């Protein structure tokens, strides 16, 4: 990413543009990894605006305990909200979101026993 592109992306993200927040988070993750605090903060901001892909990413972070304590209930909530926005797959993996959500719900039920 060129410095000009990054500057514009950061400016748009700071102004509250959900897609820019998510795109900036993805660039940071590509460079530093999913546990990066700054990336997670941008994902949280985009998810708060019901950005579907950001909700999937945030759900994954909650499910796996990436940069935060694992919380399957929050992961389920994020995945359900992502489905409501029209997202049907788990990011680039192509895994159907409904199928992954069902697995996560089962794991949550087991953990409650």
Protein backbone atom coordinates (compact mmCIF):
# COMPACT_ATOMS: atom_id res chain seq x y z
CA UNK A 1 0.00 0.00 0.00
CA UNK A 2 1.40 3.37 -0.95
CA UNK A 3 1.71 6.07 1.68
CA UNK A 4 -0.95 8.14 -0.13
CA UNK A 5 -3.39 5.21 -0.17
CA UNK A 6 -2.77 4.47 3.50
CA UNK A 7 -3.23 8.14 4.42
CA UNK A 8 -6.57 8.31 2.58
CA UNK A 9 -7.69 5.00 4.06
CA UNK A 10 -6.82 6.20 7.58
CA UNK A 11 -8.59 9.50 6.99
CA UNK A 12 -11.75 7.75 5.79
CA UNK A 13 -11.57 5.25 8.67
CA UNK A 14 -11.16 8.08 11.18
CA UNK A 15 -14.20 9.81 9.67
CA UNK A 16 -16.21 6.67 10.44
CA UNK A 17 -16.47 5.03 7.02
CA UNK A 18 -17.09 1.38 7.91
CA UNK A 19 -15.60 -0.06 4.71
CA UNK A 20 -12.45 2.00 5.19
CA UNK A 21 -12.21 0.85 8.82
CA UNK A 22 -12.47 -2.77 7.74
CA UNK A 23 -10.03 -2.34 4.83
CA UNK A 24 -7.50 -0.64 7.10
CA UNK A 25 -7.85 -3.44 9.65
CA UNK A 26 -7.24 -6.05 6.93
CA UNK A 27 -4.09 -4.20 5.79
CA UNK A 28 -2.81 -4.11 9.37
CA UNK A 29 -3.63 -7.80 9.86
CA UNK A 30 -1.77 -8.67 6.66
CA UNK A 31 1.28 -6.84 8.00
CA UNK A 32 1.13 -7.68 11.71
CA UNK A 33 -1.34 -10.51 12.30
CA UNK A 34 -4.86 -10.93 13.65
CA UNK A 35 -3.88 -10.29 17.27
CA UNK A 36 -2.81 -6.71 16.52
CA UNK A 37 -4.68 -4.35 18.85
CA UNK A 38 -5.01 -1.53 16.32
CA UNK A 39 -6.49 -3.90 13.73
CA UNK A 40 -9.02 -5.22 16.23
CA UNK A 41 -10.03 -1.69 17.20
CA UNK A 42 -10.81 -0.86 13.55
CA UNK A 43 -12.72 -4.13 13.16
CA UNK A 44 -14.75 -3.30 16.27
CA UNK A 45 -15.61 0.14 14.88
CA UNK A 46 -16.73 -1.28 11.54
CA UNK A 47 -18.68 -4.07 13.26
CA UNK A 48 -20.45 -1.50 15.43
CA UNK A 49 -21.84 -0.13 12.15
CA UNK A 50 -23.03 -3.63 11.14
CA UNK A 51 -20.34 -4.12 8.50
CA UNK A 52 -20.91 -7.80 7.72
CA UNK A 53 -17.33 -8.87 7.04
CA UNK A 54 -16.13 -6.99 10.12
CA UNK A 55 -18.73 -8.87 12.18
CA UNK A 56 -17.37 -12.18 10.87
CA UNK A 57 -13.81 -11.11 11.72
CA UNK A 58 -14.83 -9.94 15.18
CA UNK A 59 -16.72 -13.18 15.75
CA UNK A 60 -13.62 -15.14 14.76
CA UNK A 61 -11.52 -13.08 17.20
CA UNK A 62 -14.00 -13.80 20.01
CA UNK A 63 -14.21 -17.47 19.08
CA UNK A 64 -10.44 -17.98 18.97
CA UNK A 65 -9.46 -15.58 21.74
CA UNK A 66 -7.42 -13.42 19.38
CA UNK A 67 -6.39 -10.21 21.09
CA UNK A 68 -9.09 -10.73 23.71
CA UNK A 69 -10.50 -13.42 25.96
CA UNK A 70 -12.36 -16.13 24.08
CA UNK A 71 -16.12 -15.61 24.31
CA UNK A 72 -18.27 -18.04 22.32
CA UNK A 73 -21.50 -16.22 23.18
CA UNK A 74 -20.13 -12.98 21.67
CA UNK A 75 -18.87 -14.94 18.64
CA UNK A 76 -22.36 -16.36 18.06
CA UNK A 77 -23.84 -12.88 18.38
CA UNK A 78 -21.40 -11.49 15.80
CA UNK A 79 -22.03 -14.33 13.36
CA UNK A 80 -25.80 -13.93 13.68
CA UNK A 81 -25.53 -10.19 13.05
CA UNK A 82 -23.29 -10.88 10.04
CA UNK A 83 -25.89 -13.25 8.60
CA UNK A 84 -28.52 -10.54 9.04
CA UNK A 85 -26.42 -8.22 6.86
CA UNK A 86 -26.36 -10.78 4.06
CA UNK A 87 -22.90 -12.29 4.59
CA UNK A 88 -22.97 -16.00 3.73
CA UNK A 89 -19.35 -17.14 4.06
CA UNK A 90 -16.49 -17.00 6.56
CA UNK A 91 -14.20 -14.52 4.84
CA UNK A 92 -11.88 -15.88 2.18
CA UNK A 93 -12.12 -19.51 3.34
CA UNK A 94 -15.49 -19.93 1.67
CA UNK A 95 -16.86 -21.88 4.63
CA UNK A 96 -20.62 -21.32 4.82
CA UNK A 97 -21.32 -18.96 7.71
CA UNK A 98 -24.51 -20.79 8.74
CA UNK A 99 -22.57 -24.05 9.06
CA UNK A 100 -19.81 -22.39 11.09
CA UNK A 101 -22.40 -20.67 13.28
CA UNK A 102 -24.04 -24.03 14.02
CA UNK A 103 -20.65 -25.48 15.07
CA UNK A 104 -19.97 -22.48 17.28
CA UNK A 105 -23.39 -22.77 18.93
CA UNK A 106 -22.74 -26.45 19.66
CA UNK A 107 -19.37 -25.57 21.21
CA UNK A 108 -21.09 -22.90 23.31
CA UNK A 109 -23.71 -25.39 24.51
CA UNK A 110 -20.99 -27.90 25.45
CA UNK A 111 -19.05 -25.25 27.35
CA UNK A 112 -22.16 -24.40 29.37
CA UNK A 113 -22.48 -27.96 30.68
